[in-house]
Protein backbone atom coordinates (compact mmCIF):
# COMPACT_ATOMS: atom_id res chain seq x y z
CA MET A 1 -0.26 0.14 0.13
CA SER A 2 1.32 3.35 -0.87
CA SER A 3 2.60 5.65 2.23
CA ALA A 4 0.74 8.45 0.58
CA THR A 5 -1.69 10.13 2.68
CA PRO A 6 -5.18 8.84 1.76
CA PRO A 7 -7.87 11.32 1.04
CA HIS A 8 -10.14 10.92 3.93
CA ALA A 9 -7.53 12.31 6.26
CA ALA A 10 -6.31 15.77 5.75
CA SER A 11 -3.06 15.08 7.54
CA ALA A 12 0.53 17.09 7.47
CA SER A 13 2.34 13.48 7.52
CA PRO A 14 2.10 10.54 5.47
CA MET A 15 0.67 7.20 6.67
CA PRO A 16 3.25 4.94 8.49
CA GLU A 17 4.81 2.27 6.48
CA GLY A 18 3.64 -1.25 6.42
CA VAL A 19 -0.15 -0.24 6.49
CA THR A 20 -1.91 -3.02 4.23
CA ASP A 21 -5.32 -2.37 5.83
CA PRO A 22 -7.14 -0.30 3.43
CA ASN A 23 -9.90 0.69 6.22
CA TYR A 24 -7.47 2.02 8.84
CA ARG A 25 -8.26 5.30 10.04
CA PRO A 26 -5.27 6.68 12.40
CA LEU A 27 -6.79 8.60 15.16
CA PRO A 28 -5.65 12.11 15.78
CA GLY A 29 -2.25 12.73 16.98
CA ARG A 30 -0.75 9.44 15.21
CA LEU A 31 1.50 9.23 11.73
CA GLY A 32 -1.21 9.76 9.07
CA ASN A 33 -3.64 12.07 11.01
CA LEU A 34 -1.18 14.88 11.99
CA THR A 35 -2.00 18.68 11.82
CA VAL A 36 0.90 21.13 10.22
CA THR A 37 1.39 22.23 14.19
CA GLN A 38 1.63 18.81 15.38
CA LEU A 39 4.07 17.73 12.57
CA HIS A 40 6.49 20.76 13.29
CA THR A 41 6.37 19.97 17.03
CA LEU A 42 7.48 16.54 16.41
CA GLU A 43 10.25 17.43 14.29
CA LYS A 44 11.33 19.85 16.90
CA PHE A 45 10.92 17.70 19.72
CA LYS A 46 13.37 15.26 17.95
CA LYS A 47 15.78 17.92 16.74
CA GLU A 48 16.12 19.41 20.19
CA LEU A 49 16.60 15.47 21.67
CA GLN A 50 19.57 14.97 19.11
CA ASP A 51 20.91 18.66 19.53
CA GLU A 52 20.95 17.83 23.54
CA GLY A 53 22.39 14.41 23.43
CA HIS A 54 19.35 12.62 24.48
CA PHE A 55 17.95 11.03 21.26
CA VAL A 56 18.08 7.05 21.33
CA PRO A 57 17.60 6.23 17.84
CA GLU A 58 16.51 2.25 18.47
CA ARG A 59 13.61 3.43 20.64
CA MET A 60 12.93 6.79 19.74
CA ASP A 61 11.09 6.68 16.43
CA ASP A 62 8.09 8.92 15.36
CA ALA A 63 5.42 6.81 16.88
CA THR A 64 7.03 6.52 20.25
CA LEU A 65 8.05 10.25 20.38
CA LEU A 66 4.39 11.20 19.49
CA ARG A 67 3.38 8.82 22.36
CA PHE A 68 5.09 11.14 24.84
CA LEU A 69 3.74 14.23 23.03
CA ARG A 70 0.09 13.26 23.13
CA ALA A 71 0.58 12.17 27.06
CA ARG A 72 1.36 15.98 27.37
CA LYS A 73 -1.14 17.19 24.98
CA PHE A 74 1.83 18.16 22.25
CA ASP A 75 3.35 20.54 24.94
CA LEU A 76 6.88 20.17 23.67
CA ALA A 77 8.66 21.07 26.88
CA LYS A 78 6.43 18.95 29.13
CA ALA A 79 6.95 16.21 26.89
CA LYS A 80 10.87 16.32 26.91
CA ILE A 81 10.79 16.67 30.60
CA MET A 82 8.72 13.47 30.57
CA LEU A 83 10.96 11.39 28.11
CA ILE A 84 14.11 12.35 29.94
CA SER A 85 12.85 11.17 33.03
CA ALA A 86 11.54 7.96 31.63
CA GLU A 87 15.47 7.67 30.16
CA GLN A 88 16.57 8.32 33.74
CA TRP A 89 14.49 5.95 35.17
CA ARG A 90 15.53 3.22 32.33
CA LYS A 91 18.99 3.62 33.78
CA ASP A 92 18.18 3.59 37.37
CA GLU A 93 16.33 0.63 37.07
CA LYS A 94 18.44 -1.36 34.57
CA VAL A 95 15.68 -1.89 32.02
CA ASP A 96 17.89 -2.53 29.18
CA GLU A 97 19.55 -5.01 31.20
CA ILE A 98 16.03 -6.52 32.16
CA ALA A 99 14.62 -6.69 28.38
CA LYS A 100 17.45 -8.67 27.10
CA GLY A 101 16.17 -11.51 29.24
CA PHE A 102 14.53 -11.66 32.74
CA ASP A 103 13.52 -15.26 34.22
CA PHE A 104 13.07 -16.60 37.90
CA PRO A 105 12.72 -20.06 38.89
CA GLU A 106 9.69 -18.92 41.10
CA LYS A 107 7.30 -18.01 38.42
CA ALA A 108 5.30 -20.79 38.21
CA ALA A 109 4.76 -20.96 41.43
CA ILE A 110 4.30 -17.12 41.77
CA ASP A 111 1.41 -17.63 39.22
CA GLU A 112 -0.33 -19.85 41.56
CA PHE A 113 -0.98 -16.81 43.55
CA TYR A 114 -0.56 -13.97 41.25
CA PRO A 115 -1.46 -15.02 37.26
CA GLN A 116 -0.17 -12.34 34.77
CA TYR A 117 -0.20 -13.12 31.14
CA TYR A 118 -1.34 -11.99 27.35
CA HIS A 119 -3.37 -13.97 25.38
CA LYS A 120 -4.41 -13.49 21.77
CA CYS A 121 -6.04 -9.95 20.80
CA ASP A 122 -9.23 -7.89 20.85
CA LYS A 123 -11.62 -6.75 18.08
CA ASP A 124 -9.12 -3.79 17.41
CA GLY A 125 -5.88 -6.13 17.27
CA ARG A 126 -4.74 -5.08 20.62
CA PRO A 127 -2.87 -7.86 22.73
CA ILE A 128 -5.12 -8.84 25.91
CA TYR A 129 -3.40 -8.63 28.97
CA ILE A 130 -5.09 -10.60 31.80
CA GLU A 131 -4.07 -10.01 35.50
CA SER A 132 -6.07 -11.92 38.50
CA LEU A 133 -5.46 -10.67 42.13
CA ALA A 134 -8.38 -13.00 43.21
CA HIS A 135 -5.69 -15.53 44.81
CA LEU A 136 -3.35 -12.47 45.63
CA ASP A 137 -2.28 -13.08 49.34
CA ILE A 138 0.75 -10.76 49.70
CA ASP A 139 1.63 -12.03 53.28
CA LYS A 140 1.62 -15.59 52.34
CA MET A 141 3.71 -14.62 49.23
CA ASN A 142 5.89 -12.94 51.64
CA LYS A 143 6.27 -16.10 53.77
CA THR A 144 6.82 -18.48 50.91
CA PHE A 145 9.20 -16.38 48.53
CA GLY A 146 10.66 -13.92 51.14
CA GLU A 147 9.76 -10.41 51.13
CA GLU A 148 13.01 -9.08 49.37
CA ARG A 149 12.86 -11.53 46.76
CA LEU A 150 9.54 -10.49 46.01
CA ARG A 151 10.37 -6.57 46.01
CA GLU A 152 13.11 -7.63 43.35
CA VAL A 153 11.31 -9.98 41.07
CA LEU A 154 7.78 -8.57 40.48
CA PRO A 155 8.61 -4.92 39.64
CA ARG A 156 11.43 -6.28 37.35
CA ARG A 157 8.81 -8.84 35.93
CA PHE A 158 6.36 -5.91 35.38
CA ILE A 159 9.42 -3.97 33.32
CA TYR A 160 10.04 -6.90 31.33
CA GLU A 161 6.76 -7.85 30.17
CA TYR A 162 6.07 -4.09 29.47
CA GLU A 163 9.46 -3.89 27.33
CA LYS A 164 8.26 -7.46 25.60
CA PHE A 165 5.06 -5.76 24.71
CA LEU A 166 6.47 -2.81 22.92
CA ASN A 167 9.20 -4.81 21.05
CA GLU A 168 7.91 -7.99 20.21
CA ARG A 169 4.28 -8.17 20.74
CA LEU A 170 2.93 -4.66 19.30
CA PRO A 171 5.06 -5.37 16.04
CA ALA A 172 3.24 -8.91 15.72
CA CYS A 173 -0.30 -7.48 16.04
CA SER A 174 0.32 -4.75 13.79
CA LYS A 175 1.56 -7.12 11.07
CA ALA A 176 -1.36 -9.48 11.78
CA VAL A 177 -3.73 -6.63 11.26
CA GLY A 178 -2.10 -4.50 8.76
CA HIS A 179 -2.02 -1.28 10.55
CA PRO A 180 -0.29 0.40 13.48
CA VAL A 181 -1.22 -1.20 17.14
CA GLU A 182 -0.10 0.84 19.76
CA THR A 183 -2.18 0.05 22.92
CA SER A 184 -3.53 -3.03 24.94
CA CYS A 185 -6.59 -4.22 26.21
CA THR A 186 -6.54 -5.19 29.95
CA ILE A 187 -8.40 -7.50 32.17
CA LEU A 188 -7.87 -6.78 36.01
CA ASP A 189 -9.89 -9.54 37.86
CA LEU A 190 -10.55 -8.60 41.64
CA GLY A 191 -13.01 -11.50 42.15
CA GLY A 192 -12.26 -12.92 45.69
CA VAL A 193 -10.09 -10.54 46.96
CA ALA A 194 -10.42 -10.03 50.72
CA LEU A 195 -11.62 -6.81 52.07
CA THR A 196 -8.62 -6.98 54.26
CA SER A 197 -6.33 -7.29 51.24
CA TYR A 198 -7.66 -3.98 49.57
CA PRO A 199 -5.36 -1.37 50.83
CA LYS A 200 -2.38 -3.58 49.38
CA VAL A 201 -4.09 -4.15 46.42
CA SER A 202 -5.05 -0.61 45.51
CA LYS A 203 -1.58 0.10 46.36
CA TYR A 204 -0.52 -2.10 43.95
CA VAL A 205 -2.83 -0.90 41.30
CA MET A 206 -2.03 2.72 41.76
CA ASP A 207 1.92 1.85 41.39
CA ALA A 208 1.34 -0.08 38.39
CA ALA A 209 -0.69 2.52 36.60
CA SER A 210 1.82 5.06 37.61
CA ILE A 211 4.59 3.21 35.82
CA GLY A 212 2.44 2.72 33.08
CA GLN A 213 1.64 6.34 32.44
CA ASN A 214 4.76 7.93 33.37
CA ARG A 215 7.35 5.75 31.90
CA TYR A 216 5.24 3.91 29.15
CA PRO A 217 2.60 6.74 28.01
CA GLU A 218 -0.57 6.20 25.77
CA CYS A 219 0.01 2.13 25.65
CA MET A 220 -3.44 1.66 27.30
CA GLY A 221 -6.27 1.07 25.14
CA LYS A 222 -8.95 -0.54 27.20
CA PHE A 223 -8.73 -1.60 30.84
CA TYR A 224 -11.72 -3.38 32.38
CA ILE A 225 -11.89 -3.98 36.03
CA ILE A 226 -14.01 -7.19 36.64
CA ASN A 227 -15.52 -8.56 39.36
CA ALA A 228 -15.29 -5.63 41.51
CA PRO A 229 -17.30 -5.44 44.55
CA SER A 230 -19.02 -2.58 45.77
CA VAL A 231 -16.65 -1.47 48.12
CA PHE A 232 -13.94 -0.69 45.28
CA THR A 233 -16.07 1.99 44.32
CA TRP A 234 -14.86 3.92 47.24
CA ILE A 235 -11.53 2.78 47.04
CA TRP A 236 -11.21 3.64 43.24
CA TYR A 237 -11.97 7.31 44.50
CA GLY A 238 -8.85 7.47 46.36
CA ILE A 239 -6.91 5.73 43.27
CA LYS A 240 -7.88 7.85 40.48
CA ARG A 241 -6.94 10.99 41.97
CA PHE A 242 -3.31 10.04 41.46
CA LEU A 243 -3.78 9.21 37.61
CA ASP A 244 -4.30 11.82 34.73
CA GLU A 245 -7.80 12.02 33.08
CA VAL A 246 -6.94 10.31 29.94
CA THR A 247 -5.81 7.40 31.97
CA VAL A 248 -9.07 7.26 33.93
CA SER A 249 -11.23 7.84 31.02
CA LYS A 250 -9.87 4.54 29.66
CA ILE A 251 -10.82 2.38 32.72
CA ALA A 252 -14.18 0.58 33.09
CA ILE A 253 -15.15 -1.08 36.66
CA LEU A 254 -17.69 -3.82 35.85
CA SER A 255 -19.71 -5.82 38.38
CA PRO A 256 -19.64 -9.46 38.59
CA THR A 257 -23.25 -9.49 36.49
CA GLU A 258 -22.19 -7.30 33.73
CA TYR A 259 -18.46 -7.89 32.97
CA GLN A 260 -18.85 -10.79 30.60
CA GLU A 261 -21.14 -9.17 28.07
CA LYS A 262 -18.95 -6.04 28.15
CA LEU A 263 -15.92 -8.06 27.50
CA LYS A 264 -17.36 -10.16 24.42
CA GLU A 265 -18.19 -6.41 22.62
CA GLN A 266 -14.46 -5.96 22.80
CA ILE A 267 -13.32 -9.27 22.38
CA PRO A 268 -13.78 -12.34 20.41
CA VAL A 269 -15.44 -15.02 22.27
CA GLU A 270 -12.89 -17.72 20.65
CA ASN A 271 -10.08 -14.98 22.06
CA LEU A 272 -11.55 -14.93 25.48
CA PRO A 273 -10.79 -17.63 28.17
CA VAL A 274 -13.87 -20.03 29.17
CA GLU A 275 -13.46 -18.65 32.85
CA TYR A 276 -14.11 -14.98 31.54
CA GLY A 277 -17.19 -16.01 29.37
CA GLY A 278 -15.54 -16.73 26.10
CA THR A 279 -14.86 -20.01 24.62
CA CYS A 280 -11.23 -20.35 24.61
CA LYS A 281 -9.24 -23.57 26.25
CA CYS A 282 -5.76 -23.61 25.31
CA GLU A 283 -4.12 -26.83 26.10
CA GLY A 284 -2.52 -26.41 29.64
CA GLY A 285 -4.37 -23.62 30.17
CA CYS A 286 -4.83 -19.93 28.60
CA SER A 287 -2.44 -18.41 31.28
CA SER A 288 0.57 -20.59 30.03
CA SER A 289 0.03 -20.71 26.37
CA ASP A 290 1.15 -17.25 25.46
CA ALA A 291 -0.92 -17.73 22.22
CA GLY A 292 -1.06 -14.66 20.06
CA PRO A 293 0.55 -13.13 16.42
CA TRP A 294 3.78 -12.85 18.57
CA ASN A 295 3.70 -16.72 19.35
CA PRO A 296 2.10 -18.36 16.34
CA PRO A 297 1.41 -22.03 16.56
CA THR A 298 2.93 -24.43 14.06
CA GLY A 299 2.41 -27.51 12.24
CA LYS A 300 -0.61 -29.41 13.60
CA ASN A 301 -1.53 -26.91 16.07
CA ALA A 302 -1.68 -24.17 13.66
CA LEU A 303 -4.50 -25.94 12.10
CA GLU A 304 -6.30 -26.54 15.22
CA ASN A 305 -5.59 -23.29 16.71
CA GLY A 306 -6.01 -20.83 13.54
CA ASP A 307 -7.70 -18.34 15.58
CA ALA A 308 -4.18 -17.64 17.42
CA GLU A 309 -4.30 -14.07 15.77
CA GLY A 310 -7.82 -13.86 16.33
CA SER A 311 -8.10 -10.09 15.55
CA LYS A 312 -8.25 -10.47 11.80
């Protein structure tokens, strides 16, 4: 497909390379849908980063710079502060080292308490991320694995998955659907969380959301908090004060009686695990299958699981 700007969009920038979906319509502030002012801001942003020695070519492409600009409403000075701060955070947390390969022997055991996994795609081609706090018992985890070890492992795992999300999952999803995929569809399951655990759970939600919005901005597409009891509504009022309005607008809190139908509006039933109202039953369990365009099945499994890319 030609990279020329299509007639439907009065954009100052061409469509991004690799677009094969003729129905793709980039949202405002994306490549292929930039105003003249936005394009000039992007070019100035890149030049200032280069001139000041902050530019890292391998991870500061135009799409990434636009994420930071959108997060700060195209205020160049604020976007630059945000990006430079994120770069310093990367150095402090040794993110590049984590991204090269992070594994830990406790993974399977920790997943019994705290499953976190990516699984196929939603109807917009986004990778689906599922996290369940239903069995999260932080005190028991501390006793089982050691509090110091968990303080080391859990944040590093979170960072590793974010890096893999950006560098492997999104490119694979983009190729599968023929247009840029830049965000995730997240399901956070609170079913079964004990009332006494909510202070620790809410702190975790706030800390994780803070890393996402400040270090990996504009990566959240849809965020569903499911099986949320009524008490969580009051806790949510406290959490959202620390989040920006754009992040808050993307989060839906769904009760146990409504979440399955709402999820199926966004996710094909064949891509949604059966425990959440879908029909998917991956061999060995969806939580360990890592099924999706980033990990396509081969041979016989490819024929039996032809929906692994599910977003087409």
